[in-house]
Each structure stands twice: as structure tokens, then as C-alpha cells.
PDB file of all heavy atoms in Angstrom:
ATOM      1  N   TYR A   1      67.954  73.830 105.850  1.00  0.00           N
ATOM      2  CA  TYR A   1      69.393  73.679 105.976  1.00  0.00           C
ATOM      3  C   TYR A   1      69.908  74.208 107.408  1.00  0.00           C
ATOM      4  O   TYR A   1      70.827  73.554 107.943  1.00  0.00           O
ATOM      5  CB  TYR A   1      70.175  74.457 104.914  1.00  0.00           C
ATOM      6  CG  TYR A   1      71.662  74.306 104.955  1.00  0.00           C
ATOM      7  CD1 TYR A   1      72.350  73.199 104.438  1.00  0.00           C
ATOM      8  CD2 TYR A   1      72.495  75.358 105.516  1.00  0.00           C
ATOM      9  CE1 TYR A   1      73.680  73.145 104.519  1.00  0.00           C
ATOM     10  CE2 TYR A   1      73.815  75.275 105.516  1.00  0.00           C
ATOM     11  CZ  TYR A   1      74.418  74.120 105.033  1.00  0.00           C
ATOM     12  OH  TYR A   1      75.830  74.005 105.161  1.00  0.00           O
ATOM     13  N   HIS A   2      69.272  75.232 107.865  1.00  0.00           N
ATOM     14  CA  HIS A   2      69.706  75.730 109.191  1.00  0.00           C
ATOM     15  C   HIS A   2      68.860  75.229 110.349  1.00  0.00           C
ATOM     16  O   HIS A   2      68.902  75.765 111.464  1.00  0.00           O
ATOM     17  CB  HIS A   2      69.639  77.287 109.179  1.00  0.00           C
ATOM     18  CG  HIS A   2      70.677  77.918 108.261  1.00  0.00           C
ATOM     19  ND1 HIS A   2      71.876  78.095 108.598  1.00  0.00           N
ATOM     20  CD2 HIS A   2      70.524  78.406 106.943  1.00  0.00           C
ATOM     21  CE1 HIS A   2      72.617  78.614 107.568  1.00  0.00           C
ATOM     22  NE2 HIS A   2      71.770  78.802 106.532  1.00  0.00           N
ATOM     23  N   ASN A   3      68.038  74.210 110.081  1.00  0.00           N
ATOM     24  CA  ASN A   3      67.123  73.663 111.116  1.00  0.00           C
ATOM     25  C   ASN A   3      66.247  74.699 111.862  1.00  0.00           C
ATOM     26  O   ASN A   3      65.929  74.580 113.051  1.00  0.00           O
ATOM     27  CB  ASN A   3      68.070  73.021 112.306  1.00  0.00           C
ATOM     28  CG  ASN A   3      68.683  71.724 111.699  1.00  0.00           C
ATOM     29  OD1 ASN A   3      68.136  70.944 111.011  1.00  0.00           O
ATOM     30  ND2 ASN A   3      70.039  71.536 112.133  1.00  0.00           N
ATOM     31  N   LEU A   4      65.797  75.607 111.103  1.00  0.00           N
ATOM     32  CA  LEU A   4      64.781  76.604 111.472  1.00  0.00           C
ATOM     33  C   LEU A   4      63.394  76.036 111.351  1.00  0.00           C
ATOM     34  O   LEU A   4      63.153  75.030 110.787  1.00  0.00           O
ATOM     35  CB  LEU A   4      64.922  77.857 110.692  1.00  0.00           C
ATOM     36  CG  LEU A   4      66.332  78.611 110.844  1.00  0.00           C
ATOM     37  CD1 LEU A   4      66.374  79.805 109.789  1.00  0.00           C
ATOM     38  CD2 LEU A   4      66.506  79.069 112.250  1.00  0.00           C
ATOM     39  N   PRO A   5      62.456  76.553 112.117  1.00  0.00           N
ATOM     40  CA  PRO A   5      61.038  76.054 111.985  1.00  0.00           C
ATOM     41  C   PRO A   5      60.571  76.146 110.511  1.00  0.00           C
ATOM     42  O   PRO A   5      60.788  77.195 109.785  1.00  0.00           O
ATOM     43  CB  PRO A   5      60.210  76.988 112.891  1.00  0.00           C
ATOM     44  CG  PRO A   5      61.199  77.647 113.807  1.00  0.00           C
ATOM     45  CD  PRO A   5      62.548  77.693 113.060  1.00  0.00           C
ATOM     46  N   PRO A   6      59.965  75.077 109.971  1.00  0.00           N
ATOM     47  CA  PRO A   6      59.504  75.055 108.596  1.00  0.00           C
ATOM     48  C   PRO A   6      58.429  76.198 108.391  1.00  0.00           C
ATOM     49  O   PRO A   6      57.771  76.612 109.223  1.00  0.00           O
ATOM     50  CB  PRO A   6      58.869  73.652 108.432  1.00  0.00           C
ATOM     51  CG  PRO A   6      59.383  72.879 109.629  1.00  0.00           C
ATOM     52  CD  PRO A   6      59.695  73.801 110.699  1.00  0.00           C
ATOM     53  N   TRP A   7      58.288  76.547 107.121  1.00  0.00           N
ATOM     54  CA  TRP A   7      57.440  77.568 106.813  1.00  0.00           C
ATOM     55  C   TRP A   7      55.949  77.078 106.741  1.00  0.00           C
ATOM     56  O   TRP A   7      55.683  75.862 106.365  1.00  0.00           O
ATOM     57  CB  TRP A   7      57.740  78.194 105.431  1.00  0.00           C
ATOM     58  CG  TRP A   7      58.939  78.999 105.371  1.00  0.00           C
ATOM     59  CD1 TRP A   7      60.227  78.651 104.950  1.00  0.00           C
ATOM     60  CD2 TRP A   7      58.977  80.381 105.798  1.00  0.00           C
ATOM     61  NE1 TRP A   7      61.113  79.668 105.131  1.00  0.00           N
ATOM     62  CE2 TRP A   7      60.412  80.890 105.636  1.00  0.00           C
ATOM     63  CE3 TRP A   7      58.101  81.343 106.268  1.00  0.00           C
ATOM     64  CZ2 TRP A   7      60.877  82.009 105.796  1.00  0.00           C
ATOM     65  CZ3 TRP A   7      58.550  82.691 106.487  1.00  0.00           C
ATOM     66  CH2 TRP A   7      59.887  82.931 106.245  1.00  0.00           C
ATOM     67  N   THR A   8      54.998  77.985 107.101  1.00  0.00           N
ATOM     68  CA  THR A   8      53.651  77.680 106.811  1.00  0.00           C
ATOM     69  C   THR A   8      53.207  78.581 105.639  1.00  0.00           C
ATOM     70  O   THR A   8      54.034  79.392 105.194  1.00  0.00           O
ATOM     71  CB  THR A   8      52.741  78.101 108.059  1.00  0.00           C
ATOM     72  OG1 THR A   8      52.886  79.472 108.250  1.00  0.00           O
ATOM     73  CG2 THR A   8      53.139  77.283 109.245  1.00  0.00           C
ATOM     74  N   PHE A   9      51.967  78.241 105.131  1.00  0.00           N
ATOM     75  CA  PHE A   9      51.525  79.032 103.921  1.00  0.00           C
ATOM     76  C   PHE A   9      51.380  80.559 104.347  1.00  0.00           C
ATOM     77  O   PHE A   9      51.842  81.359 103.540  1.00  0.00           O
ATOM     78  CB  PHE A   9      50.252  78.511 103.454  1.00  0.00           C
ATOM     79  CG  PHE A   9      49.632  79.191 102.230  1.00  0.00           C
ATOM     80  CD1 PHE A   9      50.031  78.900 101.041  1.00  0.00           C
ATOM     81  CD2 PHE A   9      48.744  80.215 102.414  1.00  0.00           C
ATOM     82  CE1 PHE A   9      49.580  79.512  99.942  1.00  0.00           C
ATOM     83  CE2 PHE A   9      48.297  80.915 101.281  1.00  0.00           C
ATOM     84  CZ  PHE A   9      48.702  80.529  99.971  1.00  0.00           C
ATOM     85  N   GLU A  10      50.786  80.774 105.398  1.00  0.00           N
ATOM     86  CA  GLU A  10      50.728  82.170 105.843  1.00  0.00           C
ATOM     87  C   GLU A  10      51.983  82.917 106.114  1.00  0.00           C
ATOM     88  O   GLU A  10      52.181  84.023 105.772  1.00  0.00           O
ATOM     89  CB  GLU A  10      49.880  82.319 107.132  1.00  0.00           C
ATOM     90  CG  GLU A  10      48.367  82.015 107.011  1.00  0.00           C
ATOM     91  CD  GLU A  10      48.107  80.490 106.885  1.00  0.00           C
ATOM     92  OE1 GLU A  10      49.078  79.675 107.229  1.00  0.00           O
ATOM     93  OE2 GLU A  10      46.930  80.065 106.479  1.00  0.00           O
ATOM     94  N   GLY A  11      53.017  82.117 106.633  1.00  0.00           N
ATOM     95  CA  GLY A  11      54.346  82.590 106.915  1.00  0.00           C
ATOM     96  C   GLY A  11      55.008  82.969 105.515  1.00  0.00           C
ATOM     97  O   GLY A  11      55.621  84.083 105.419  1.00  0.00           O
ATOM     98  N   LEU A  12      54.886  82.187 104.570  1.00  0.00           N
ATOM     99  CA  LEU A  12      55.525  82.452 103.264  1.00  0.00           C
ATOM    100  C   LEU A  12      54.820  83.632 102.580  1.00  0.00           C
ATOM    101  O   LEU A  12      55.512  84.517 102.051  1.00  0.00           O
ATOM    102  CB  LEU A  12      55.394  81.189 102.240  1.00  0.00           C
ATOM    103  CG  LEU A  12      56.291  80.141 102.549  1.00  0.00           C
ATOM    104  CD1 LEU A  12      56.019  78.814 101.703  1.00  0.00           C
ATOM    105  CD2 LEU A  12      57.840  80.465 102.130  1.00  0.00           C
ATOM    106  N   MET A  13      53.528  83.709 102.632  1.00  0.00           N
ATOM    107  CA  MET A  13      52.810  84.834 102.045  1.00  0.00           C
ATOM    108  C   MET A  13      53.105  86.189 102.710  1.00  0.00           C
ATOM    109  O   MET A  13      53.316  87.115 101.988  1.00  0.00           O
ATOM    110  CB  MET A  13      51.299  84.492 102.248  1.00  0.00           C
ATOM    111  CG  MET A  13      50.381  85.493 101.482  1.00  0.00           C
ATOM    112  SD  MET A  13      48.652  84.866 101.291  1.00  0.00           S
ATOM    113  CE  MET A  13      48.233  84.803 103.006  1.00  0.00           C
ATOM    114  N   GLY A  14      53.267  86.150 104.020  1.00  0.00           N
ATOM    115  CA  GLY A  14      53.549  87.358 104.756  1.00  0.00           C
ATOM    116  C   GLY A  14      54.961  87.762 104.441  1.00  0.00           C
ATOM    117  O   GLY A  14      55.374  88.987 104.355  1.00  0.00           O
ATOM    118  N   HIS A  15      55.887  86.857 104.384  1.00  0.00           N
ATOM    119  CA  HIS A  15      57.323  87.102 104.158  1.00  0.00           C
ATOM    120  C   HIS A  15      57.555  87.630 102.724  1.00  0.00           C
ATOM    121  O   HIS A  15      58.328  88.529 102.530  1.00  0.00           O
ATOM    122  CB  HIS A  15      58.219  85.872 104.515  1.00  0.00           C
ATOM    123  CG  HIS A  15      59.608  86.145 104.531  1.00  0.00           C
ATOM    124  ND1 HIS A  15      60.353  86.801 105.512  1.00  0.00           N
ATOM    125  CD2 HIS A  15      60.654  85.810 103.620  1.00  0.00           C
ATOM    126  CE1 HIS A  15      61.631  86.960 105.257  1.00  0.00           C
ATOM    127  NE2 HIS A  15      61.842  86.274 104.068  1.00  0.00           N
ATOM    128  N   ILE A  16      57.003  86.895 101.715  1.00  0.00           N
ATOM    129  CA  ILE A  16      57.231  87.243 100.362  1.00  0.00           C
ATOM    130  C   ILE A  16      56.476  88.564  99.949  1.00  0.00           C
ATOM    131  O   ILE A  16      56.793  89.193  98.948  1.00  0.00           O
ATOM    132  CB  ILE A  16      57.004  86.141  99.412  1.00  0.00           C
ATOM    133  CG1 ILE A  16      57.878  84.907  99.861  1.00  0.00           C
ATOM    134  CG2 ILE A  16      57.196  86.438  97.923  1.00  0.00           C
ATOM    135  CD1 ILE A  16      57.680  83.654  98.975  1.00  0.00           C
ATOM    136  N   LYS A  17      55.388  88.816 100.843  1.00  0.00           N
ATOM    137  CA  LYS A  17      54.615  89.955 100.565  1.00  0.00           C
ATOM    138  C   LYS A  17      53.900  89.936  99.239  1.00  0.00           C
ATOM    139  O   LYS A  17      53.982  90.972  98.456  1.00  0.00           O
ATOM    140  CB  LYS A  17      55.391  91.242 100.809  1.00  0.00           C
ATOM    141  CG  LYS A  17      56.022  91.352 102.171  1.00  0.00           C
ATOM    142  CD  LYS A  17      56.695  92.747 102.339  1.00  0.00           C
ATOM    143  CE  LYS A  17      57.354  92.827 103.668  1.00  0.00           C
ATOM    144  NZ  LYS A  17      56.542  92.477 104.770  1.00  0.00           N
ATOM    145  N   LEU A  18      53.215  88.842  98.992  1.00  0.00           N
ATOM    146  CA  LEU A  18      52.390  88.703  97.703  1.00  0.00           C
ATOM    147  C   LEU A  18      51.006  88.200  98.061  1.00  0.00           C
ATOM    148  O   LEU A  18      50.893  87.541  99.096  1.00  0.00           O
ATOM    149  CB  LEU A  18      53.105  87.769  96.719  1.00  0.00           C
ATOM    150  CG  LEU A  18      54.220  88.410  95.888  1.00  0.00           C
ATOM    151  CD1 LEU A  18      54.849  87.404  95.056  1.00  0.00           C
ATOM    152  CD2 LEU A  18      53.728  89.512  95.083  1.00  0.00           C
ATOM    153  N   PRO A  19      50.003  88.456  97.299  1.00  0.00           N
ATOM    154  CA  PRO A  19      48.693  87.923  97.632  1.00  0.00           C
ATOM    155  C   PRO A  19      48.572  86.429  97.712  1.00  0.00           C
ATOM    156  O   PRO A  19      49.527  85.657  97.327  1.00  0.00           O
ATOM    157  CB  PRO A  19      47.863  88.530  96.502  1.00  0.00           C
ATOM    158  CG  PRO A  19      48.643  89.614  95.995  1.00  0.00           C
ATOM    159  CD  PRO A  19      50.024  89.237  96.087  1.00  0.00           C
ATOM    160  N   PHE A  20      47.461  85.936  98.070  1.00  0.00           N
ATOM    161  CA  PHE A  20      47.152  84.526  98.277  1.00  0.00           C
ATOM    162  C   PHE A  20      47.391  83.679  96.908  1.00  0.00           C
ATOM    163  O   PHE A  20      48.089  82.674  96.982  1.00  0.00           O
ATOM    164  CB  PHE A  20      45.708  84.464  98.779  1.00  0.00           C
ATOM    165  CG  PHE A  20      45.204  83.046  99.235  1.00  0.00           C
ATOM    166  CD1 PHE A  20      45.338  82.673 100.527  1.00  0.00           C
ATOM    167  CD2 PHE A  20      44.739  82.163  98.258  1.00  0.00           C
ATOM    168  CE1 PHE A  20      44.965  81.349 100.870  1.00  0.00           C
ATOM    169  CE2 PHE A  20      44.354  80.836  98.522  1.00  0.00           C
ATOM    170  CZ  PHE A  20      44.400  80.447  99.927  1.00  0.00           C
ATOM    171  N   GLU A  21      46.750  84.129  95.950  1.00  0.00           N
ATOM    172  CA  GLU A  21      46.710  83.330  94.721  1.00  0.00           C
ATOM    173  C   GLU A  21      47.976  82.932  94.107  1.00  0.00           C
ATOM    174  O   GLU A  21      48.188  81.768  93.689  1.00  0.00           O
ATOM    175  CB  GLU A  21      45.765  84.046  93.654  1.00  0.00           C
ATOM    176  CG  GLU A  21      44.354  84.087  93.941  1.00  0.00           C
ATOM    177  CD  GLU A  21      44.063  85.353  94.796  1.00  0.00           C
ATOM    178  OE1 GLU A  21      44.837  85.983  95.304  1.00  0.00           O
ATOM    179  OE2 GLU A  21      42.823  85.799  94.867  1.00  0.00           O
ATOM    180  N   PRO A  22      48.883  83.929  93.813  1.00  0.00           N
ATOM    181  CA  PRO A  22      50.203  83.444  93.242  1.00  0.00           C
ATOM    182  C   PRO A  22      51.036  82.420  94.107  1.00  0.00           C
ATOM    183  O   PRO A  22      51.665  81.631  93.625  1.00  0.00           O
ATOM    184  CB  PRO A  22      50.983  84.873  93.003  1.00  0.00           C
ATOM    185  CG  PRO A  22      50.275  85.828  93.822  1.00  0.00           C
ATOM    186  CD  PRO A  22      48.850  85.410  94.095  1.00  0.00           C
ATOM    187  N   ILE A  23      51.090  82.711  95.428  1.00  0.00           N
ATOM    188  CA  ILE A  23      51.782  81.856  96.289  1.00  0.00           C
ATOM    189  C   ILE A  23      51.206  80.356  96.240  1.00  0.00           C
ATOM    190  O   ILE A  23      51.883  79.405  96.181  1.00  0.00           O
ATOM    191  CB  ILE A  23      51.804  82.332  97.762  1.00  0.00           C
ATOM    192  CG1 ILE A  23      52.462  83.666  97.825  1.00  0.00           C
ATOM    193  CG2 ILE A  23      52.488  81.363  98.629  1.00  0.00           C
ATOM    194  CD1 ILE A  23      53.836  83.852  97.493  1.00  0.00           C
ATOM    195  N   LEU A  24      49.813  80.346  96.288  1.00  0.00           N
ATOM    196  CA  LEU A  24      49.136  79.023  96.203  1.00  0.00           C
ATOM    197  C   LEU A  24      49.380  78.352  94.890  1.00  0.00           C
ATOM    198  O   LEU A  24      49.731  77.128  94.850  1.00  0.00           O
ATOM    199  CB  LEU A  24      47.681  79.199  96.410  1.00  0.00           C
ATOM    200  CG  LEU A  24      46.807  77.971  96.356  1.00  0.00           C
ATOM    201  CD1 LEU A  24      47.212  76.974  97.357  1.00  0.00           C
ATOM    202  CD2 LEU A  24      45.351  78.262  96.379  1.00  0.00           C
ATOM    203  N   GLU A  25      49.411  79.063  93.809  1.00  0.00           N
ATOM    204  CA  GLU A  25      49.629  78.497  92.400  1.00  0.00           C
ATOM    205  C   GLU A  25      51.002  77.975  92.292  1.00  0.00           C
ATOM    206  O   GLU A  25      51.242  76.866  91.878  1.00  0.00           O
ATOM    207  CB  GLU A  25      49.351  79.659  91.394  1.00  0.00           C
ATOM    208  CG  GLU A  25      49.670  79.129  89.959  1.00  0.00           C
ATOM    209  CD  GLU A  25      49.415  80.121  88.964  1.00  0.00           C
ATOM    210  OE1 GLU A  25      48.903  81.242  89.258  1.00  0.00           O
ATOM    211  OE2 GLU A  25      49.937  79.998  87.809  1.00  0.00           O
ATOM    212  N   ILE A  26      51.997  78.760  92.817  1.00  0.00           N
ATOM    213  CA  ILE A  26      53.395  78.343  92.667  1.00  0.00           C
ATOM    214  C   ILE A  26      53.702  77.135  93.500  1.00  0.00           C
ATOM    215  O   ILE A  26      54.391  76.162  93.162  1.00  0.00           O
ATOM    216  CB  ILE A  26      54.449  79.433  92.805  1.00  0.00           C
ATOM    217  CG1 ILE A  26      54.281  80.644  91.875  1.00  0.00           C
ATOM    218  CG2 ILE A  26      55.847  79.004  92.802  1.00  0.00           C
ATOM    219  CD1 ILE A  26      54.383  80.254  90.490  1.00  0.00           C
ATOM    220  N   LEU A  27      53.222  77.154  94.776  1.00  0.00           N
ATOM    221  CA  LEU A  27      53.425  75.994  95.683  1.00  0.00           C
ATOM    222  C   LEU A  27      52.775  74.719  95.056  1.00  0.00           C
ATOM    223  O   LEU A  27      53.326  73.630  95.256  1.00  0.00           O
ATOM    224  CB  LEU A  27      52.807  76.341  97.055  1.00  0.00           C
ATOM    225  CG  LEU A  27      53.657  77.006  98.059  1.00  0.00           C
ATOM    226  CD1 LEU A  27      52.765  77.284  99.306  1.00  0.00           C
ATOM    227  CD2 LEU A  27      54.830  76.185  98.393  1.00  0.00           C
ATOM    228  N   THR A  28      51.600  74.853  94.469  1.00  0.00           N
ATOM    229  CA  THR A  28      50.946  73.675  93.873  1.00  0.00           C
ATOM    230  C   THR A  28      51.801  73.116  92.759  1.00  0.00           C
ATOM    231  O   THR A  28      52.016  71.889  92.543  1.00  0.00           O
ATOM    232  CB  THR A  28      49.522  74.130  93.281  1.00  0.00           C
ATOM    233  OG1 THR A  28      48.820  74.573  94.386  1.00  0.00           O
ATOM    234  CG2 THR A  28      48.844  72.923  92.708  1.00  0.00           C
ATOM    235  N   LEU A  29      52.407  73.988  91.898  1.00  0.00           N
ATOM    236  CA  LEU A  29      53.228  73.442  90.860  1.00  0.00           C
ATOM    237  C   LEU A  29      54.509  72.866  91.433  1.00  0.00           C
ATOM    238  O   LEU A  29      54.869  71.764  90.870  1.00  0.00           O
ATOM    239  CB  LEU A  29      53.753  74.775  89.911  1.00  0.00           C
ATOM    240  CG  LEU A  29      52.617  75.374  89.127  1.00  0.00           C
ATOM    241  CD1 LEU A  29      53.119  76.577  88.422  1.00  0.00           C
ATOM    242  CD2 LEU A  29      51.924  74.369  88.146  1.00  0.00           C
ATOM    243  N   LEU A  30      55.104  73.428  92.525  1.00  0.00           N
ATOM    244  CA  LEU A  30      56.294  72.832  93.041  1.00  0.00           C
ATOM    245  C   LEU A  30      55.978  71.547  93.695  1.00  0.00           C
ATOM    246  O   LEU A  30      56.796  70.611  93.611  1.00  0.00           O
ATOM    247  CB  LEU A  30      56.947  73.788  94.036  1.00  0.00           C
ATOM    248  CG  LEU A  30      57.470  75.195  93.458  1.00  0.00           C
ATOM    249  CD1 LEU A  30      57.933  76.086  94.503  1.00  0.00           C
ATOM    250  CD2 LEU A  30      58.564  74.909  92.532  1.00  0.00           C
ATOM    251  N   LYS A  31      54.800  71.422  94.273  1.00  0.00           N
ATOM    252  CA  LYS A  31      54.488  70.124  94.908  1.00  0.00           C
ATOM    253  C   LYS A  31      54.232  69.076  93.759  1.00  0.00           C
ATOM    254  O   LYS A  31      54.516  67.943  93.943  1.00  0.00           O
ATOM    255  CB  LYS A  31      53.247  70.246  95.727  1.00  0.00           C
ATOM    256  CG  LYS A  31      53.422  70.944  97.108  1.00  0.00           C
ATOM    257  CD  LYS A  31      52.202  70.957  97.912  1.00  0.00           C
ATOM    258  CE  LYS A  31      51.026  71.711  97.300  1.00  0.00           C
ATOM    259  NZ  LYS A  31      49.868  71.688  98.286  1.00  0.00           N
ATOM    260  N   GLY A  32      53.571  69.561  92.661  1.00  0.00           N
ATOM    261  CA  GLY A  32      53.371  68.632  91.530  1.00  0.00           C
ATOM    262  C   GLY A  32      54.610  68.067  90.979  1.00  0.00           C
ATOM    263  O   GLY A  32      54.549  66.993  90.374  1.00  0.00           O
ATOM    264  N   LYS A  33      55.721  68.771  91.013  1.00  0.00           N
ATOM    265  CA  LYS A  33      56.976  68.412  90.458  1.00  0.00           C
ATOM    266  C   LYS A  33      57.923  67.742  91.471  1.00  0.00           C
ATOM    267  O   LYS A  33      59.025  67.563  91.261  1.00  0.00           O
ATOM    268  CB  LYS A  33      57.727  69.618  89.838  1.00  0.00           C
ATOM    269  CG  LYS A  33      56.978  70.130  88.569  1.00  0.00           C
ATOM    270  CD  LYS A  33      56.962  69.263  87.432  1.00  0.00           C
ATOM    271  CE  LYS A  33      56.319  69.959  86.203  1.00  0.00           C
ATOM    272  NZ  LYS A  33      56.253  68.982  85.021  1.00  0.00           N
ATOM    273  N   SER A  34      57.352  67.436  92.631  1.00  0.00           N
ATOM    274  CA  SER A  34      57.969  66.768  93.719  1.00  0.00           C
ATOM    275  C   SER A  34      59.290  67.575  94.183  1.00  0.00           C
ATOM    276  O   SER A  34      60.299  67.015  94.517  1.00  0.00           O
ATOM    277  CB  SER A  34      58.399  65.261  93.327  1.00  0.00           C
ATOM    278  OG  SER A  34      57.269  64.603  93.025  1.00  0.00           O
ATOM    279  N   LEU A  35      59.060  68.885  94.205  1.00  0.00           N
ATOM    280  CA  LEU A  35      60.243  69.746  94.778  1.00  0.00           C
ATOM    281  C   LEU A  35      59.847  70.210  96.171  1.00  0.00           C
ATOM    282  O   LEU A  35      60.792  70.487  96.948  1.00  0.00           O
ATOM    283  CB  LEU A  35      60.415  70.955  93.896  1.00  0.00           C
ATOM    284  CG  LEU A  35      60.835  70.594  92.479  1.00  0.00           C
ATOM    285  CD1 LEU A  35      60.793  71.917  91.571  1.00  0.00           C
ATOM    286  CD2 LEU A  35      62.231  69.976  92.512  1.00  0.00           C
ATOM    287  N   VAL A  36      58.618  70.181  96.450  1.00  0.00           N
ATOM    288  CA  VAL A  36      58.175  70.676  97.852  1.00  0.00           C
ATOM    289  C   VAL A  36      57.242  69.578  98.471  1.00  0.00           C
ATOM    290  O   VAL A  36      56.513  69.012  97.694  1.00  0.00           O
ATOM    291  CB  VAL A  36      57.420  71.974  97.768  1.00  0.00           C
ATOM    292  CG1 VAL A  36      56.788  72.320  99.134  1.00  0.00           C
ATOM    293  CG2 VAL A  36      58.414  73.125  97.461  1.00  0.00           C
ATOM    294  N   PHE A  37      57.467  69.289  99.747  1.00  0.00           N
ATOM    295  CA  PHE A  37      56.613  68.398 100.493  1.00  0.00           C
ATOM    296  C   PHE A  37      55.782  69.084 101.461  1.00  0.00           C
ATOM    297  O   PHE A  37      56.189  69.922 102.223  1.00  0.00           O
ATOM    298  CB  PHE A  37      57.453  67.344 101.108  1.00  0.00           C
ATOM    299  CG  PHE A  37      56.664  66.256 102.038  1.00  0.00           C
ATOM    300  CD1 PHE A  37      55.882  65.303 101.392  1.00  0.00           C
ATOM    301  CD2 PHE A  37      56.626  66.502 103.367  1.00  0.00           C
ATOM    302  CE1 PHE A  37      55.126  64.529 102.200  1.00  0.00           C
ATOM    303  CE2 PHE A  37      56.013  65.571 104.152  1.00  0.00           C
ATOM    304  CZ  PHE A  37      55.214  64.588 103.596  1.00  0.00           C
ATOM    305  N   GLU A  38      54.399  68.797 101.515  1.00  0.00           N
ATOM    306  CA  GLU A  38      53.484  69.433 102.490  1.00  0.00           C
ATOM    307  C   GLU A  38      53.179  68.316 103.565  1.00  0.00           C
ATOM    308  O   GLU A  38      52.682  67.248 103.191  1.00  0.00           O
ATOM    309  CB  GLU A  38      52.266  69.784 101.773  1.00  0.00           C
ATOM    310  CG  GLU A  38      51.225  70.454 102.584  1.00  0.00           C
ATOM    311  CD  GLU A  38      49.939  70.859 101.888  1.00  0.00           C
ATOM    312  OE1 GLU A  38      49.058  69.957 101.709  1.00  0.00           O
ATOM    313  OE2 GLU A  38      49.838  72.046 101.391  1.00  0.00           O
ATOM    314  N   THR A  39      53.455  68.758 104.744  1.00  0.00           N
ATOM    315  CA  THR A  39      53.271  67.838 105.873  1.00  0.00           C
ATOM    316  C   THR A  39      51.759  67.750 106.234  1.00  0.00           C
ATOM    317  O   THR A  39      50.905  68.573 105.808  1.00  0.00           O
ATOM    318  CB  THR A  39      54.040  68.280 107.106  1.00  0.00           C
ATOM    319  OG1 THR A  39      53.447  69.473 107.656  1.00  0.00           O
ATOM    320  CG2 THR A  39      55.429  68.450 106.834  1.00  0.00           C
ATOM    321  N   GLY A  40      51.390  66.845 107.078  1.00  0.00           N
ATOM    322  CA  GLY A  40      49.969  66.740 107.562  1.00  0.00           C
ATOM    323  C   GLY A  40      49.676  67.483 108.794  1.00  0.00           C
ATOM    324  O   GLY A  40      48.676  67.257 109.456  1.00  0.00           O
ATOM    325  N   ASP A  41      50.648  68.465 109.259  1.00  0.00           N
ATOM    326  CA  ASP A  41      50.395  69.239 110.377  1.00  0.00           C
ATOM    327  C   ASP A  41      49.174  70.116 110.243  1.00  0.00           C
ATOM    328  O   ASP A  41      48.568  70.321 109.188  1.00  0.00           O
ATOM    329  CB  ASP A  41      51.597  69.977 110.756  1.00  0.00           C
ATOM    330  CG  ASP A  41      52.805  69.114 111.202  1.00  0.00           C
ATOM    331  OD1 ASP A  41      52.854  68.683 112.298  1.00  0.00           O
ATOM    332  OD2 ASP A  41      53.598  68.740 110.265  1.00  0.00           O
TER     333      ASP A  41
END
């Protein structure tokens, strides 16, 4: 919304301050429900 740089996986993990597995699991679920889009960068 604020035209800020998009998040990377490492950025989200460091900002939310949680381990690798839960962030990956939730991101996978959100992508599967077409709520989050992962770029090819």
C-alpha cells in the first residue's frame, strides 16, 4: 500500500522474529489460497 520494497522470506522471518518452519508453513498456506503471490526474483 505504501509502495515500500516488497518483503523477502529472510526479511519476514527477521522482522516477525520466528524460526524458519512456521513462517514457511504459513506462507505456503497463504500462497495455496491465492492470498500471497511469490515473484520469480
